[in-house]
C-alpha atoms as a PDB file:
ATOM      1  CA  MET A   1      11.018 -66.681 136.006  1.00  0.00           C
ATOM      2  CA  GLN A   2      14.737 -66.310 136.548  1.00  0.00           C
ATOM      3  CA  LYS A   3      16.206 -63.107 135.156  1.00  0.00           C
ATOM      4  CA  ILE A   4      19.167 -63.657 132.849  1.00  0.00           C
ATOM      5  CA  LYS A   5      22.179 -61.708 134.028  1.00  0.00           C
ATOM      6  CA  LYS A   6      23.952 -59.617 131.428  1.00  0.00           C
ATOM      7  CA  THR A   7      27.675 -60.064 131.037  1.00  0.00           C
ATOM      8  CA  ASP A   8      30.163 -57.316 130.340  1.00  0.00           C
ATOM      9  CA  TRP A   9      30.346 -58.607 126.756  1.00  0.00           C
ATOM     10  CA  ASP A  10      26.540 -58.317 126.397  1.00  0.00           C
ATOM     11  CA  GLY A  11      26.638 -54.741 127.588  1.00  0.00           C
ATOM     12  CA  TYR A  12      29.546 -53.908 125.315  1.00  0.00           C
ATOM     13  CA  LYS A  13      27.779 -55.345 122.253  1.00  0.00           C
ATOM     14  CA  GLU A  14      24.515 -53.587 123.077  1.00  0.00           C
ATOM     15  CA  GLY A  15      26.291 -50.251 123.340  1.00  0.00           C
ATOM     16  CA  THR A  16      28.578 -50.572 120.339  1.00  0.00           C
ATOM     17  CA  ASP A  17      27.175 -52.879 117.655  1.00  0.00           C
ATOM     18  CA  TYR A  18      24.968 -50.197 116.111  1.00  0.00           C
ATOM     19  CA  GLN A  19      27.986 -47.896 115.869  1.00  0.00           C
ATOM     20  CA  PHE A  20      29.866 -50.455 113.757  1.00  0.00           C
ATOM     21  CA  ALA A  21      26.979 -50.172 111.277  1.00  0.00           C
ATOM     22  CA  THR A  22      27.760 -46.481 110.708  1.00  0.00           C
ATOM     23  CA  PRO A  23      29.541 -45.813 107.389  1.00  0.00           C
ATOM     24  CA  GLU A  24      33.169 -44.719 107.614  1.00  0.00           C
ATOM     25  CA  PHE A  25      33.776 -41.032 106.993  1.00  0.00           C
ATOM     26  CA  LEU A  26      36.681 -39.477 105.098  1.00  0.00           C
ATOM     27  CA  LEU A  27      38.449 -36.353 106.322  1.00  0.00           C
ATOM     28  CA  GLY A  28      39.040 -33.481 103.938  1.00  0.00           C
ATOM     29  CA  HIS A  29      42.495 -32.964 102.482  1.00  0.00           C
ATOM     30  CA  TRP A  30      43.646 -30.311 104.952  1.00  0.00           C
ATOM     31  CA  SER A  31      42.404 -32.205 108.013  1.00  0.00           C
ATOM     32  CA  ALA A  32      43.911 -35.426 106.684  1.00  0.00           C
ATOM     33  CA  TYR A  33      47.251 -33.626 106.340  1.00  0.00           C
ATOM     34  CA  SER A  34      47.014 -32.563 109.997  1.00  0.00           C
ATOM     35  CA  PHE A  35      46.002 -36.072 111.047  1.00  0.00           C
ATOM     36  CA  PHE A  36      49.150 -37.547 109.516  1.00  0.00           C
ATOM     37  CA  ASN A  37      51.583 -34.746 110.323  1.00  0.00           C
ATOM     38  CA  ASP A  38      50.324 -32.905 113.430  1.00  0.00           C
ATOM     39  CA  PRO A  39      47.288 -34.738 114.835  1.00  0.00           C
ATOM     40  CA  LYS A  40      47.067 -32.718 118.053  1.00  0.00           C
ATOM     41  CA  HIS A  41      46.363 -29.644 115.938  1.00  0.00           C
ATOM     42  CA  LEU A  42      42.949 -31.132 115.126  1.00  0.00           C
ATOM     43  CA  SER A  43      41.962 -30.831 118.784  1.00  0.00           C
ATOM     44  CA  PHE A  44      42.827 -27.110 118.691  1.00  0.00           C
ATOM     45  CA  VAL A  45      40.668 -26.595 115.608  1.00  0.00           C
ATOM     46  CA  LEU A  46      37.756 -28.478 117.162  1.00  0.00           C
ATOM     47  CA  ALA A  47      37.992 -26.303 120.293  1.00  0.00           C
ATOM     48  CA  ARG A  48      37.762 -23.165 118.150  1.00  0.00           C
ATOM     49  CA  TYR A  49      34.623 -24.442 116.451  1.00  0.00           C
ATOM     50  CA  LYS A  50      33.136 -25.501 119.771  1.00  0.00           C
ATOM     51  CA  PHE A  51      33.568 -21.940 121.051  1.00  0.00           C
ATOM     52  CA  CYS A  52      31.796 -20.495 118.011  1.00  0.00           C
ATOM     53  CA  ALA A  53      29.024 -23.092 118.253  1.00  0.00           C
ATOM     54  CA  LYS A  54      28.359 -22.155 121.872  1.00  0.00           C
ATOM     55  CA  MET A  55      28.281 -18.436 121.086  1.00  0.00           C
ATOM     56  CA  LEU A  56      25.923 -18.892 118.107  1.00  0.00           C
ATOM     57  CA  GLN A  57      23.602 -21.519 119.572  1.00  0.00           C
ATOM     58  CA  GLY A  58      20.009 -21.061 118.413  1.00  0.00           C
ATOM     59  CA  LYS A  59      20.712 -18.485 115.678  1.00  0.00           C
ATOM     60  CA  ASP A  60      18.493 -18.722 112.593  1.00  0.00           C
ATOM     61  CA  LEU A  61      20.955 -17.884 109.815  1.00  0.00           C
ATOM     62  CA  VAL A  62      24.735 -18.003 110.239  1.00  0.00           C
ATOM     63  CA  ILE A  63      27.585 -17.605 107.730  1.00  0.00           C
ATOM     64  CA  GLU A  64      30.952 -19.349 107.935  1.00  0.00           C
ATOM     65  CA  ILE A  65      33.563 -17.376 106.031  1.00  0.00           C
ATOM     66  CA  GLY A  66      36.417 -19.459 104.623  1.00  0.00           C
ATOM     67  CA  PHE A  67      35.376 -22.934 105.740  1.00  0.00           C
ATOM     68  CA  GLY A  68      38.314 -24.786 104.166  1.00  0.00           C
ATOM     69  CA  ASP A  69      37.736 -28.521 104.028  1.00  0.00           C
ATOM     70  CA  GLY A  70      34.754 -28.266 106.372  1.00  0.00           C
ATOM     71  CA  PHE A  71      36.253 -30.018 109.388  1.00  0.00           C
ATOM     72  CA  GLY A  72      34.247 -27.946 111.890  1.00  0.00           C
ATOM     73  CA  ILE A  73      31.051 -27.421 109.912  1.00  0.00           C
ATOM     74  CA  PRO A  74      29.102 -30.270 111.603  1.00  0.00           C
ATOM     75  CA  ILE A  75      29.741 -28.721 115.044  1.00  0.00           C
ATOM     76  CA  ILE A  76      28.136 -25.419 114.051  1.00  0.00           C
ATOM     77  CA  ALA A  77      25.385 -27.008 111.955  1.00  0.00           C
ATOM     78  CA  LYS A  78      24.225 -28.931 115.016  1.00  0.00           C
ATOM     79  CA  GLU A  79      23.546 -25.681 116.904  1.00  0.00           C
ATOM     80  CA  VAL A  80      22.028 -23.294 114.324  1.00  0.00           C
ATOM     81  CA  LYS A  81      18.972 -23.479 112.079  1.00  0.00           C
ATOM     82  CA  HIS A  82      20.779 -22.801 108.805  1.00  0.00           C
ATOM     83  CA  LEU A  83      24.466 -22.419 107.990  1.00  0.00           C
ATOM     84  CA  VAL A  84      25.747 -20.818 104.788  1.00  0.00           C
ATOM     85  CA  CYS A  85      29.391 -21.655 104.096  1.00  0.00           C
ATOM     86  CA  VAL A  86      31.358 -19.425 101.727  1.00  0.00           C
ATOM     87  CA  ASP A  87      34.854 -19.894 100.338  1.00  0.00           C
ATOM     88  CA  TRP A  88      36.907 -18.550  97.443  1.00  0.00           C
ATOM     89  CA  ASP A  89      38.402 -21.938  96.545  1.00  0.00           C
ATOM     90  CA  LYS A  90      35.958 -23.972  94.448  1.00  0.00           C
ATOM     91  CA  ARG A  91      37.828 -27.172  95.315  1.00  0.00           C
ATOM     92  CA  HIS A  92      36.505 -26.838  98.868  1.00  0.00           C
ATOM     93  CA  ILE A  93      32.955 -26.273  97.611  1.00  0.00           C
ATOM     94  CA  ASP A  94      32.963 -29.410  95.466  1.00  0.00           C
ATOM     95  CA  ASP A  95      34.657 -31.498  98.148  1.00  0.00           C
ATOM     96  CA  CYS A  96      32.334 -30.504 100.988  1.00  0.00           C
ATOM     97  CA  LYS A  97      29.180 -30.839  98.904  1.00  0.00           C
ATOM     98  CA  ARG A  98      30.210 -34.443  98.326  1.00  0.00           C
ATOM     99  CA  ARG A  99      31.440 -35.405 101.801  1.00  0.00           C
ATOM    100  CA  LEU A 100      28.987 -33.395 103.911  1.00  0.00           C
ATOM    101  CA  LYS A 101      25.799 -33.987 101.959  1.00  0.00           C
ATOM    102  CA  HIS A 102      24.224 -35.524 105.072  1.00  0.00           C
ATOM    103  CA  LEU A 103      24.023 -32.033 106.629  1.00  0.00           C
ATOM    104  CA  LYS A 104      20.607 -30.874 105.445  1.00  0.00           C
ATOM    105  CA  ASN A 105      20.750 -27.377 106.975  1.00  0.00           C
ATOM    106  CA  VAL A 106      24.031 -26.373 105.280  1.00  0.00           C
ATOM    107  CA  THR A 107      24.514 -24.700 101.900  1.00  0.00           C
ATOM    108  CA  PHE A 108      27.775 -23.862 100.142  1.00  0.00           C
ATOM    109  CA  GLU A 109      28.527 -20.745  98.101  1.00  0.00           C
ATOM    110  CA  HIS A 110      31.568 -20.019  95.940  1.00  0.00           C
ATOM    111  CA  ILE A 111      32.416 -16.341  96.464  1.00  0.00           C
ATOM    112  CA  ASP A 112      35.444 -14.133  97.110  1.00  0.00           C
ATOM    113  CA  LEU A 113      34.519 -11.610  99.804  1.00  0.00           C
ATOM    114  CA  ASN A 114      37.429  -9.435  98.753  1.00  0.00           C
ATOM    115  CA  ASN A 115      35.344  -8.516  95.716  1.00  0.00           C
ATOM    116  CA  ASP A 116      31.703  -9.467  96.266  1.00  0.00           C
ATOM    117  CA  TYR A 117      29.076 -10.531  98.820  1.00  0.00           C
ATOM    118  CA  LEU A 118      25.924 -12.628  99.088  1.00  0.00           C
ATOM    119  CA  LYS A 119      22.575 -10.834  98.986  1.00  0.00           C
ATOM    120  CA  ILE A 120      21.456 -12.164 102.369  1.00  0.00           C
ATOM    121  CA  GLN A 121      20.891 -10.765 105.853  1.00  0.00           C
ATOM    122  CA  ALA A 122      22.305 -13.120 108.461  1.00  0.00           C
ATOM    123  CA  ASP A 123      22.083 -13.092 112.239  1.00  0.00           C
ATOM    124  CA  ALA A 124      25.788 -13.852 112.600  1.00  0.00           C
ATOM    125  CA  ALA A 125      28.989 -14.698 110.798  1.00  0.00           C
ATOM    126  CA  TYR A 126      32.268 -16.177 111.914  1.00  0.00           C
ATOM    127  CA  SER A 127      35.704 -16.800 110.471  1.00  0.00           C
ATOM    128  CA  ILE A 128      38.339 -19.102 111.902  1.00  0.00           C
ATOM    129  CA  ASP A 129      41.910 -18.810 110.588  1.00  0.00           C
ATOM    130  CA  VAL A 130      40.977 -16.555 107.675  1.00  0.00           C
ATOM    131  CA  ILE A 131      41.986 -12.906 108.141  1.00  0.00           C
ATOM    132  CA  GLU A 132      45.680 -13.734 108.521  1.00  0.00           C
ATOM    133  CA  HIS A 133      45.591 -14.902 104.881  1.00  0.00           C
ATOM    134  CA  LEU A 134      44.110 -11.674 103.501  1.00  0.00           C
ATOM    135  CA  ASP A 135      45.987  -9.242 101.316  1.00  0.00           C
ATOM    136  CA  PRO A 136      46.265  -6.234 103.697  1.00  0.00           C
ATOM    137  CA  GLU A 137      45.203  -3.928 100.877  1.00  0.00           C
ATOM    138  CA  LYS A 138      41.927  -5.867 100.525  1.00  0.00           C
ATOM    139  CA  GLU A 139      41.129  -6.067 104.240  1.00  0.00           C
ATOM    140  CA  ASN A 140      38.676  -3.136 104.254  1.00  0.00           C
ATOM    141  CA  ASP A 141      36.851  -4.540 101.211  1.00  0.00           C
ATOM    142  CA  PHE A 142      36.636  -7.942 102.885  1.00  0.00           C
ATOM    143  CA  TYR A 143      35.076  -6.505 106.048  1.00  0.00           C
ATOM    144  CA  ALA A 144      32.772  -4.174 104.114  1.00  0.00           C
ATOM    145  CA  ASN A 145      31.397  -7.102 102.119  1.00  0.00           C
ATOM    146  CA  THR A 146      31.087  -9.201 105.264  1.00  0.00           C
ATOM    147  CA  CYS A 147      29.081  -6.497 107.041  1.00  0.00           C
ATOM    148  CA  LYS A 148      26.755  -6.117 104.045  1.00  0.00           C
ATOM    149  CA  MET A 149      25.576  -9.685 104.680  1.00  0.00           C
ATOM    150  CA  LEU A 150      24.715  -9.025 108.338  1.00  0.00           C
ATOM    151  CA  LYS A 151      21.653  -7.600 110.079  1.00  0.00           C
ATOM    152  CA  GLU A 152      21.979  -4.482 112.206  1.00  0.00           C
ATOM    153  CA  ASP A 153      21.734  -6.444 115.463  1.00  0.00           C
ATOM    154  CA  SER A 154      24.119  -9.163 114.300  1.00  0.00           C
ATOM    155  CA  VAL A 155      27.266 -10.780 115.669  1.00  0.00           C
ATOM    156  CA  LEU A 156      30.656 -11.273 113.999  1.00  0.00           C
ATOM    157  CA  ILE A 157      33.188 -13.699 115.514  1.00  0.00           C
ATOM    158  CA  THR A 158      36.783 -13.571 114.301  1.00  0.00           C
ATOM    159  CA  GLY A 159      39.531 -15.981 115.328  1.00  0.00           C
ATOM    160  CA  THR A 160      43.146 -15.669 114.198  1.00  0.00           C
ATOM    161  CA  PRO A 161      46.688 -16.474 115.372  1.00  0.00           C
ATOM    162  CA  ASN A 162      48.334 -13.752 117.434  1.00  0.00           C
ATOM    163  CA  VAL A 163      51.159 -11.859 115.736  1.00  0.00           C
ATOM    164  CA  THR A 164      53.211 -12.306 118.919  1.00  0.00           C
ATOM    165  CA  ALA A 165      53.148 -16.097 118.407  1.00  0.00           C
ATOM    166  CA  ASN A 166      54.491 -15.957 114.860  1.00  0.00           C
ATOM    167  CA  GLN A 167      58.019 -16.667 116.083  1.00  0.00           C
ATOM    168  CA  TYR A 168      56.820 -20.173 117.018  1.00  0.00           C
ATOM    169  CA  ALA A 169      54.886 -20.831 113.803  1.00  0.00           C
ATOM    170  CA  THR A 170      55.771 -23.501 111.272  1.00  0.00           C
ATOM    171  CA  GLU A 171      57.273 -22.470 107.965  1.00  0.00           C
ATOM    172  CA  ARG A 172      54.014 -23.480 106.281  1.00  0.00           C
ATOM    173  CA  SER A 173      52.143 -20.975 108.472  1.00  0.00           C
ATOM    174  CA  ARG A 174      54.673 -18.193 108.021  1.00  0.00           C
ATOM    175  CA  VAL A 175      54.379 -18.387 104.239  1.00  0.00           C
ATOM    176  CA  GLN A 176      50.592 -18.049 104.349  1.00  0.00           C
ATOM    177  CA  HIS A 177      50.090 -15.673 107.291  1.00  0.00           C
ATOM    178  CA  ILE A 178      50.632 -12.319 105.620  1.00  0.00           C
ATOM    179  CA  ASN A 179      48.143 -10.291 107.704  1.00  0.00           C
ATOM    180  CA  LEU A 180      48.613 -11.223 111.367  1.00  0.00           C
ATOM    181  CA  LYS A 181      47.107  -9.053 114.103  1.00  0.00           C
ATOM    182  CA  SER A 182      47.728  -8.273 117.736  1.00  0.00           C
ATOM    183  CA  MET A 183      44.849  -8.275 120.230  1.00  0.00           C
ATOM    184  CA  GLU A 184      44.772  -4.481 120.099  1.00  0.00           C
ATOM    185  CA  GLU A 185      44.643  -4.410 116.295  1.00  0.00           C
ATOM    186  CA  LEU A 186      41.882  -6.997 116.126  1.00  0.00           C
ATOM    187  CA  LYS A 187      39.881  -5.061 118.710  1.00  0.00           C
ATOM    188  CA  LYS A 188      40.150  -1.870 116.650  1.00  0.00           C
ATOM    189  CA  ILE A 189      39.033  -3.656 113.475  1.00  0.00           C
ATOM    190  CA  THR A 190      35.978  -4.892 115.365  1.00  0.00           C
ATOM    191  CA  GLU A 191      35.195  -1.622 117.157  1.00  0.00           C
ATOM    192  CA  ASP A 192      35.374   0.292 113.882  1.00  0.00           C
ATOM    193  CA  ARG A 193      32.455  -1.777 112.605  1.00  0.00           C
ATOM    194  CA  PHE A 194      30.507  -2.882 115.703  1.00  0.00           C
ATOM    195  CA  LYS A 195      29.199  -1.138 118.806  1.00  0.00           C
ATOM    196  CA  PHE A 196      30.767  -3.693 121.128  1.00  0.00           C
ATOM    197  CA  ALA A 197      33.942  -5.782 120.909  1.00  0.00           C
ATOM    198  CA  PHE A 198      34.527  -8.641 123.343  1.00  0.00           C
ATOM    199  CA  MET A 199      38.069 -10.015 123.294  1.00  0.00           C
ATOM    200  CA  PHE A 200      39.408 -13.432 124.291  1.00  0.00           C
ATOM    201  CA  GLY A 201      42.674 -15.312 124.100  1.00  0.00           C
ATOM    202  CA  MET A 202      43.284 -19.005 123.502  1.00  0.00           C
ATOM    203  CA  ASN A 203      46.179 -21.342 124.102  1.00  0.00           C
ATOM    204  CA  ASP A 204      45.691 -24.819 122.648  1.00  0.00           C
ATOM    205  CA  GLU A 205      42.108 -25.742 123.661  1.00  0.00           C
ATOM    206  CA  VAL A 206      41.902 -23.279 126.588  1.00  0.00           C
ATOM    207  CA  LEU A 207      39.892 -20.071 126.188  1.00  0.00           C
ATOM    208  CA  HIS A 208      40.764 -17.247 128.595  1.00  0.00           C
ATOM    209  CA  THR A 209      41.108 -13.517 129.198  1.00  0.00           C
ATOM    210  CA  GLY A 210      44.783 -13.543 130.115  1.00  0.00           C
ATOM    211  CA  TYR A 211      47.717 -11.341 129.131  1.00  0.00           C
ATOM    212  CA  SER A 212      47.246 -10.827 125.399  1.00  0.00           C
ATOM    213  CA  PRO A 213      50.888 -11.016 124.178  1.00  0.00           C
ATOM    214  CA  MET A 214      51.093 -14.539 125.618  1.00  0.00           C
ATOM    215  CA  CYS A 215      47.984 -15.756 123.773  1.00  0.00           C
ATOM    216  CA  HIS A 216      48.786 -17.990 120.842  1.00  0.00           C
ATOM    217  CA  TYR A 217      45.331 -17.373 119.373  1.00  0.00           C
ATOM    218  CA  ILE A 218      43.011 -14.369 119.685  1.00  0.00           C
ATOM    219  CA  TRP A 219      39.271 -13.827 119.295  1.00  0.00           C
ATOM    220  CA  SER A 220      36.953 -10.882 118.868  1.00  0.00           C
ATOM    221  CA  ILE A 221      33.164 -10.908 119.085  1.00  0.00           C
ATOM    222  CA  GLY A 222      31.583  -7.840 117.524  1.00  0.00           C
ATOM    223  CA  ALA A 223      27.964  -7.123 118.457  1.00  0.00           C
ATOM    224  CA  GLY A 224      25.624  -4.542 116.954  1.00  0.00           C
ATOM    225  CA  LYS A 225      26.698  -3.457 113.469  1.00  0.00           C
ATOM    226  CA  LYS A 226      27.463   0.254 113.165  1.00  0.00           C
ATOM    227  CA  TYR A 227      26.633   0.613 109.476  1.00  0.00           C
END
């Protein structure tokens, strides 16, 4: 029996037709704004979530603090057993519950960590682009409440723009970023609360350990809660 040779069109259809059957997916409001006004910024955000996902791979219970419109939630949810997402803006809660209902291992909680905390004990927590928005006078309360939700042998990942890069920020960022940190300041915040602090820099999608004043974005990983 003569074997029928596949054409390039046959191969293309076999590899793509099922994807056309997938429902279209709407971006959240913040990500949609970036898509229309600064689309390359979305690749930077995805790289930040990819870093956190790699660091937290296999953890049982993880908290995302300040998840916004949930753009990176699916990346983390793919790698951990359960993800609890907390935010102080109820609009984000309602929006993500509707758009991300396909993620069965994710729950959403409306809470302001400046004033309260969830009665859970998580293996890890992370925040991406959050602490720069905090009222400096509430920073200690925010971290105290965060640590109350973490086990003794937990991990806390914090990512934030570097204060040295503020001169290049957009006006929209400058208005909101009222609590920027240097690498040294972020390290101290982490070392005050964790036994170990591992520091990284980031420029666009590239993670590195280079000269900290030239990092646009900075990271700390705290390991082993002190109290």
